[in-house]
Every structure is written in structure tokens, then in C-alpha cells.
PDB file of N, CA and C in Angstrom:
ATOM      1  N   MET A   1     316.899  31.775 188.947  1.00  0.00           N
ATOM      2  CA  MET A   1     317.761  32.757 188.311  1.00  0.00           C
ATOM      3  C   MET A   1     316.963  34.047 188.103  1.00  0.00           C
ATOM      4  N   ILE A   2     317.653  35.164 188.270  1.00  0.00           N
ATOM      5  CA  ILE A   2     317.042  36.460 187.977  1.00  0.00           C
ATOM      6  C   ILE A   2     317.864  37.151 186.904  1.00  0.00           C
ATOM      7  N   GLN A   3     317.184  37.931 186.085  1.00  0.00           N
ATOM      8  CA  GLN A   3     317.884  38.674 185.044  1.00  0.00           C
ATOM      9  C   GLN A   3     318.185  40.073 185.546  1.00  0.00           C
ATOM     10  N   VAL A   4     319.427  40.516 185.334  1.00  0.00           N
ATOM     11  CA  VAL A   4     319.855  41.876 185.656  1.00  0.00           C
ATOM     12  C   VAL A   4     320.640  42.423 184.465  1.00  0.00           C
ATOM     13  N   THR A   5     320.905  43.725 184.492  1.00  0.00           N
ATOM     14  CA  THR A   5     321.565  44.371 183.360  1.00  0.00           C
ATOM     15  C   THR A   5     322.853  45.049 183.816  1.00  0.00           C
ATOM     16  N   ARG A   6     323.944  44.718 183.145  1.00  0.00           N
ATOM     17  CA  ARG A   6     325.236  45.364 183.437  1.00  0.00           C
ATOM     18  C   ARG A   6     325.174  46.840 183.059  1.00  0.00           C
ATOM     19  N   LEU A   7     326.133  47.617 183.522  1.00  0.00           N
ATOM     20  CA  LEU A   7     326.174  49.043 183.204  1.00  0.00           C
ATOM     21  C   LEU A   7     326.333  49.296 181.713  1.00  0.00           C
ATOM     22  N   ASN A   8     326.910  48.333 180.970  1.00  0.00           N
ATOM     23  CA  ASN A   8     327.071  48.503 179.517  1.00  0.00           C
ATOM     24  C   ASN A   8     325.820  48.088 178.742  1.00  0.00           C
ATOM     25  N   GLY A   9     324.760  47.687 179.443  1.00  0.00           N
ATOM     26  CA  GLY A   9     323.497  47.331 178.800  1.00  0.00           C
ATOM     27  C   GLY A   9     323.311  45.851 178.522  1.00  0.00           C
ATOM     28  N   ALA A  10     324.333  45.032 178.790  1.00  0.00           N
ATOM     29  CA  ALA A  10     324.233  43.587 178.542  1.00  0.00           C
ATOM     30  C   ALA A  10     323.475  42.913 179.684  1.00  0.00           C
ATOM     31  N   ALA A  11     322.476  42.133 179.319  1.00  0.00           N
ATOM     32  CA  ALA A  11     321.690  41.405 180.313  1.00  0.00           C
ATOM     33  C   ALA A  11     322.371  40.084 180.650  1.00  0.00           C
ATOM     34  N   PHE A  12     322.254  39.658 181.907  1.00  0.00           N
ATOM     35  CA  PHE A  12     322.756  38.351 182.316  1.00  0.00           C
ATOM     36  C   PHE A  12     321.916  37.847 183.476  1.00  0.00           C
ATOM     37  N   HIS A  13     322.108  36.599 183.826  1.00  0.00           N
ATOM     38  CA  HIS A  13     321.320  35.972 184.890  1.00  0.00           C
ATOM     39  C   HIS A  13     322.207  35.622 186.076  1.00  0.00           C
ATOM     40  N   LEU A  14     321.646  35.807 187.270  1.00  0.00           N
ATOM     41  CA  LEU A  14     322.311  35.437 188.516  1.00  0.00           C
ATOM     42  C   LEU A  14     321.445  34.427 189.243  1.00  0.00           C
ATOM     43  N   ASN A  15     322.080  33.484 189.916  1.00  0.00           N
ATOM     44  CA  ASN A  15     321.348  32.561 190.764  1.00  0.00           C
ATOM     45  C   ASN A  15     321.029  33.294 192.061  1.00  0.00           C
ATOM     46  N   ALA A  16     319.747  33.553 192.291  1.00  0.00           N
ATOM     47  CA  ALA A  16     319.315  34.344 193.438  1.00  0.00           C
ATOM     48  C   ALA A  16     319.632  33.669 194.770  1.00  0.00           C
ATOM     49  N   LEU A  17     319.853  32.372 194.761  1.00  0.00           N
ATOM     50  CA  LEU A  17     320.175  31.677 196.001  1.00  0.00           C
ATOM     51  C   LEU A  17     321.547  32.065 196.538  1.00  0.00           C
ATOM     52  N   TYR A  18     322.405  32.595 195.671  1.00  0.00           N
ATOM     53  CA  TYR A  18     323.757  32.982 196.073  1.00  0.00           C
ATOM     54  C   TYR A  18     323.897  34.469 196.398  1.00  0.00           C
ATOM     55  N   ILE A  19     322.794  35.207 196.347  1.00  0.00           N
ATOM     56  CA  ILE A  19     322.859  36.638 196.635  1.00  0.00           C
ATOM     57  C   ILE A  19     322.865  36.844 198.146  1.00  0.00           C
ATOM     58  N   GLU A  20     323.909  37.510 198.619  1.00  0.00           N
ATOM     59  CA  GLU A  20     324.039  37.794 200.048  1.00  0.00           C
ATOM     60  C   GLU A  20     323.414  39.140 200.392  1.00  0.00           C
ATOM     61  N   LYS A  21     323.697  40.165 199.561  1.00  0.00           N
ATOM     62  CA  LYS A  21     323.110  41.476 199.821  1.00  0.00           C
ATOM     63  C   LYS A  21     323.011  42.288 198.544  1.00  0.00           C
ATOM     64  N   VAL A  22     322.075  43.237 198.575  1.00  0.00           N
ATOM     65  CA  VAL A  22     321.857  44.163 197.468  1.00  0.00           C
ATOM     66  C   VAL A  22     321.923  45.561 198.072  1.00  0.00           C
ATOM     67  N   GLU A  23     322.795  46.395 197.512  1.00  0.00           N
ATOM     68  CA  GLU A  23     322.991  47.739 198.046  1.00  0.00           C
ATOM     69  C   GLU A  23     322.902  48.762 196.928  1.00  0.00           C
ATOM     70  N   SER A  24     322.668  50.016 197.313  1.00  0.00           N
ATOM     71  CA  SER A  24     322.617  51.104 196.347  1.00  0.00           C
ATOM     72  C   SER A  24     323.602  52.174 196.781  1.00  0.00           C
ATOM     73  N   PHE A  25     324.584  52.483 195.907  1.00  0.00           N
ATOM     74  CA  PHE A  25     325.667  53.416 196.277  1.00  0.00           C
ATOM     75  C   PHE A  25     325.778  54.700 195.468  1.00  0.00           C
ATOM     76  N   PRO A  26     325.149  55.199 194.526  1.00  0.00           N
ATOM     77  CA  PRO A  26     323.779  54.994 194.099  1.00  0.00           C
ATOM     78  C   PRO A  26     323.592  53.868 193.085  1.00  0.00           C
ATOM     79  N   ASP A  27     324.659  53.397 192.425  1.00  0.00           N
ATOM     80  CA  ASP A  27     324.484  52.247 191.528  1.00  0.00           C
ATOM     81  C   ASP A  27     324.173  51.017 192.375  1.00  0.00           C
ATOM     82  N   THR A  28     323.330  50.159 191.848  1.00  0.00           N
ATOM     83  CA  THR A  28     322.955  48.947 192.572  1.00  0.00           C
ATOM     84  C   THR A  28     324.093  47.945 192.509  1.00  0.00           C
ATOM     85  N   THR A  29     324.537  47.497 193.674  1.00  0.00           N
ATOM     86  CA  THR A  29     325.620  46.529 193.774  1.00  0.00           C
ATOM     87  C   THR A  29     325.086  45.260 194.416  1.00  0.00           C
ATOM     88  N   ILE A  30     325.292  44.126 193.740  1.00  0.00           N
ATOM     89  CA  ILE A  30     324.845  42.823 194.235  1.00  0.00           C
ATOM     90  C   ILE A  30     326.079  42.052 194.676  1.00  0.00           C
ATOM     91  N   THR A  31     326.085  41.617 195.925  1.00  0.00           N
ATOM     92  CA  THR A  31     327.192  40.829 196.457  1.00  0.00           C
ATOM     93  C   THR A  31     326.729  39.392 196.633  1.00  0.00           C
ATOM     94  N   LEU A  32     327.499  38.461 196.088  1.00  0.00           N
ATOM     95  CA  LEU A  32     327.180  37.042 196.218  1.00  0.00           C
ATOM     96  C   LEU A  32     327.872  36.461 197.440  1.00  0.00           C
ATOM     97  N   THR A  33     327.451  35.283 197.855  1.00  0.00           N
ATOM     98  CA  THR A  33     328.061  34.621 199.002  1.00  0.00           C
ATOM     99  C   THR A  33     329.515  34.261 198.736  1.00  0.00           C
ATOM    100  N   THR A  34     329.921  34.233 197.474  1.00  0.00           N
ATOM    101  CA  THR A  34     331.308  33.941 197.109  1.00  0.00           C
ATOM    102  C   THR A  34     332.202  35.172 197.226  1.00  0.00           C
ATOM    103  N   GLY A  35     331.590  36.342 197.461  1.00  0.00           N
ATOM    104  CA  GLY A  35     332.333  37.582 197.532  1.00  0.00           C
ATOM    105  C   GLY A  35     332.352  38.356 196.226  1.00  0.00           C
ATOM    106  N   THR A  36     331.884  37.749 195.146  1.00  0.00           N
ATOM    107  CA  THR A  36     331.820  38.412 193.849  1.00  0.00           C
ATOM    108  C   THR A  36     330.782  39.526 193.902  1.00  0.00           C
ATOM    109  N   LYS A  37     331.131  40.682 193.325  1.00  0.00           N
ATOM    110  CA  LYS A  37     330.214  41.819 193.299  1.00  0.00           C
ATOM    111  C   LYS A  37     329.882  42.182 191.859  1.00  0.00           C
ATOM    112  N   TYR A  38     328.637  42.532 191.629  1.00  0.00           N
ATOM    113  CA  TYR A  38     328.167  42.979 190.321  1.00  0.00           C
ATOM    114  C   TYR A  38     327.492  44.329 190.497  1.00  0.00           C
ATOM    115  N   VAL A  39     327.832  45.278 189.643  1.00  0.00           N
ATOM    116  CA  VAL A  39     327.160  46.572 189.613  1.00  0.00           C
ATOM    117  C   VAL A  39     326.214  46.538 188.422  1.00  0.00           C
ATOM    118  N   VAL A  40     324.937  46.837 188.682  1.00  0.00           N
ATOM    119  CA  VAL A  40     323.913  46.696 187.643  1.00  0.00           C
ATOM    120  C   VAL A  40     323.101  47.972 187.497  1.00  0.00           C
ATOM    121  N   LEU A  41     322.440  48.096 186.347  1.00  0.00           N
ATOM    122  CA  LEU A  41     321.570  49.240 186.074  1.00  0.00           C
ATOM    123  C   LEU A  41     320.245  49.159 186.819  1.00  0.00           C
ATOM    124  N   ASP A  42     319.773  47.958 187.098  1.00  0.00           N
ATOM    125  CA  ASP A  42     318.468  47.761 187.730  1.00  0.00           C
ATOM    126  C   ASP A  42     318.460  48.387 189.126  1.00  0.00           C
ATOM    127  N   SER A  43     317.320  48.947 189.506  1.00  0.00           N
ATOM    128  CA  SER A  43     317.216  49.545 190.837  1.00  0.00           C
ATOM    129  C   SER A  43     317.213  48.456 191.909  1.00  0.00           C
ATOM    130  N   MET A  44     317.536  48.851 193.137  1.00  0.00           N
ATOM    131  CA  MET A  44     317.558  47.912 194.245  1.00  0.00           C
ATOM    132  C   MET A  44     316.163  47.304 194.462  1.00  0.00           C
ATOM    133  N   ASP A  45     315.117  48.118 194.337  1.00  0.00           N
ATOM    134  CA  ASP A  45     313.751  47.617 194.508  1.00  0.00           C
ATOM    135  C   ASP A  45     313.397  46.596 193.437  1.00  0.00           C
ATOM    136  N   THR A  46     313.814  46.843 192.199  1.00  0.00           N
ATOM    137  CA  THR A  46     313.550  45.906 191.108  1.00  0.00           C
ATOM    138  C   THR A  46     314.252  44.576 191.355  1.00  0.00           C
ATOM    139  N   VAL A  47     315.516  44.642 191.769  1.00  0.00           N
ATOM    140  CA  VAL A  47     316.273  43.416 192.057  1.00  0.00           C
ATOM    141  C   VAL A  47     315.618  42.655 193.204  1.00  0.00           C
ATOM    142  N   ASN A  48     315.223  43.370 194.266  1.00  0.00           N
ATOM    143  CA  ASN A  48     314.562  42.709 195.395  1.00  0.00           C
ATOM    144  C   ASN A  48     313.254  42.051 194.977  1.00  0.00           C
ATOM    145  N   ASP A  49     312.469  42.728 194.133  1.00  0.00           N
ATOM    146  CA  ASP A  49     311.217  42.138 193.635  1.00  0.00           C
ATOM    147  C   ASP A  49     311.486  40.864 192.840  1.00  0.00           C
ATOM    148  N   ARG A  50     312.523  40.883 192.014  1.00  0.00           N
ATOM    149  CA  ARG A  50     312.862  39.695 191.223  1.00  0.00           C
ATOM    150  C   ARG A  50     313.326  38.552 192.113  1.00  0.00           C
ATOM    151  N   ILE A  51     314.066  38.865 193.170  1.00  0.00           N
ATOM    152  CA  ILE A  51     314.508  37.832 194.112  1.00  0.00           C
ATOM    153  C   ILE A  51     313.297  37.198 194.793  1.00  0.00           C
ATOM    154  N   ILE A  52     312.366  38.015 195.249  1.00  0.00           N
ATOM    155  CA  ILE A  52     311.163  37.499 195.917  1.00  0.00           C
ATOM    156  C   ILE A  52     310.355  36.628 194.964  1.00  0.00           C
ATOM    157  N   LYS A  53     310.175  37.067 193.722  1.00  0.00           N
ATOM    158  CA  LYS A  53     309.435  36.268 192.736  1.00  0.00           C
ATOM    159  C   LYS A  53     310.137  34.938 192.473  1.00  0.00           C
ATOM    160  N   PHE A  54     311.470  34.968 192.416  1.00  0.00           N
ATOM    161  CA  PHE A  54     312.222  33.723 192.228  1.00  0.00           C
ATOM    162  C   PHE A  54     312.008  32.788 193.412  1.00  0.00           C
ATOM    163  N   TYR A  55     312.142  33.316 194.630  1.00  0.00           N
ATOM    164  CA  TYR A  55     311.943  32.497 195.830  1.00  0.00           C
ATOM    165  C   TYR A  55     310.540  31.889 195.845  1.00  0.00           C
ATOM    166  N   GLN A  56     309.544  32.679 195.453  1.00  0.00           N
ATOM    167  CA  GLN A  56     308.178  32.157 195.404  1.00  0.00           C
ATOM    168  C   GLN A  56     308.030  31.074 194.341  1.00  0.00           C
ATOM    169  N   SER A  57     308.707  31.234 193.209  1.00  0.00           N
ATOM    170  CA  SER A  57     308.587  30.257 192.127  1.00  0.00           C
ATOM    171  C   SER A  57     309.198  28.906 192.502  1.00  0.00           C
ATOM    172  N   VAL A  58     310.203  28.914 193.368  1.00  0.00           N
ATOM    173  CA  VAL A  58     310.798  27.655 193.823  1.00  0.00           C
ATOM    174  C   VAL A  58     310.250  27.255 195.196  1.00  0.00           C
ATOM    175  N   GLN A  59     309.202  27.964 195.626  1.00  0.00           N
ATOM    176  CA  GLN A  59     308.481  27.715 196.868  1.00  0.00           C
ATOM    177  C   GLN A  59     309.372  27.825 198.104  1.00  0.00           C
ATOM    178  N   LEU A  60     310.370  28.667 198.029  1.00  0.00           N
ATOM    179  CA  LEU A  60     311.215  28.928 199.179  1.00  0.00           C
ATOM    180  C   LEU A  60     310.469  29.766 200.206  1.00  0.00           C
ATOM    181  N   LEU A  61     309.514  30.575 199.739  1.00  0.00           N
ATOM    182  CA  LEU A  61     308.716  31.402 200.629  1.00  0.00           C
ATOM    183  C   LEU A  61     307.349  30.786 200.887  1.00  0.00           C
ATOM    184  N   SER A  62     307.230  29.481 200.755  1.00  0.00           N
ATOM    185  CA  SER A  62     305.929  28.848 200.973  1.00  0.00           C
ATOM    186  C   SER A  62     305.652  28.605 202.451  1.00  0.00           C
ATOM    187  N   ASN A  63     306.673  28.660 203.293  1.00  0.00           N
ATOM    188  CA  ASN A  63     306.505  28.483 204.730  1.00  0.00           C
ATOM    189  C   ASN A  63     305.893  29.755 205.310  1.00  0.00           C
ATOM    190  N   PRO A  64     304.715  29.667 205.989  1.00  0.00           N
ATOM    191  CA  PRO A  64     304.064  30.871 206.512  1.00  0.00           C
ATOM    192  C   PRO A  64     304.921  31.629 207.518  1.00  0.00           C
ATOM    193  N   HIS A  65     305.801  30.948 208.235  1.00  0.00           N
ATOM    194  CA  HIS A  65     306.655  31.619 209.211  1.00  0.00           C
ATOM    195  C   HIS A  65     307.709  32.474 208.509  1.00  0.00           C
ATOM    196  N   LEU A  66     308.185  32.058 207.332  1.00  0.00           N
ATOM    197  CA  LEU A  66     309.125  32.854 206.565  1.00  0.00           C
ATOM    198  C   LEU A  66     308.466  34.060 205.945  1.00  0.00           C
ATOM    199  N   ARG A  67     307.156  33.942 205.651  1.00  0.00           N
ATOM    200  CA  ARG A  67     306.412  35.058 205.071  1.00  0.00           C
ATOM    201  C   ARG A  67     306.004  36.067 206.126  1.00  0.00           C
ATOM    202  N   GLY A  68     306.151  35.726 207.412  1.00  0.00           N
ATOM    203  CA  GLY A  68     305.790  36.626 208.491  1.00  0.00           C
ATOM    204  C   GLY A  68     304.370  36.450 208.976  1.00  0.00           C
ATOM    205  N   GLU A  69     303.724  35.362 208.578  1.00  0.00           N
ATOM    206  CA  GLU A  69     302.367  35.089 209.015  1.00  0.00           C
ATOM    207  C   GLU A  69     302.414  34.257 210.283  1.00  0.00           C
ATOM    208  N   GLU A  70     302.022  34.849 211.381  1.00  0.00           N
ATOM    209  CA  GLU A  70     302.137  34.206 212.690  1.00  0.00           C
ATOM    210  C   GLU A  70     301.126  33.084 212.896  1.00  0.00           C
ATOM    211  N   ASP A  71     299.848  33.355 212.570  1.00  0.00           N
ATOM    212  CA  ASP A  71     298.774  32.426 212.928  1.00  0.00           C
ATOM    213  C   ASP A  71     298.253  31.637 211.739  1.00  0.00           C
ATOM    214  N   GLU A  72     299.125  31.146 210.902  1.00  0.00           N
ATOM    215  CA  GLU A  72     298.745  30.335 209.742  1.00  0.00           C
ATOM    216  C   GLU A  72     298.353  28.936 210.220  1.00  0.00           C
ATOM    217  N   GLU A  73     297.198  28.450 209.763  1.00  0.00           N
ATOM    218  CA  GLU A  73     296.762  27.112 210.165  1.00  0.00           C
ATOM    219  C   GLU A  73     296.881  26.142 209.035  1.00  0.00           C
TER     220      GLU A  73
END
């Protein structure tokens, strides 16, 4: 789960596994695989950093090929 902030200042958590895309219109819009969209105060870079940290914490990015490391032994 990652924490994000609604435009009214209320914080909430999203399951990062369901995030399909993150866009900036200039407000950051998060689209889930269900089609639900959330507009948040957090910048796109901040949301992306939180997603990566979440993936690392659940070892989703532990595979060297997913990290982009070609010659991992």
C-alpha cells in the first residue's frame, strides 16, 4: 500500500499492485486496473517513488531482469 493525499488534504492508501498508470494533467491522476481514477496532491515523481519502494518491500523487484540488470549472476 502507498499513501497519497486527496485534493482536500485527506490522506488515504492505495494498493500499488492495482495501479495501471500515473499521469500529470497538471494534477496527478492515478488510474487503477478497475478503471477507478484518483486525483491527488502528490507529484507524479513522488507517487512513482512510493510505488517502487512498495514493490521493493514485497520483493517484486528482486528479479535482476525486472530491474534491468542484464548480467546478474
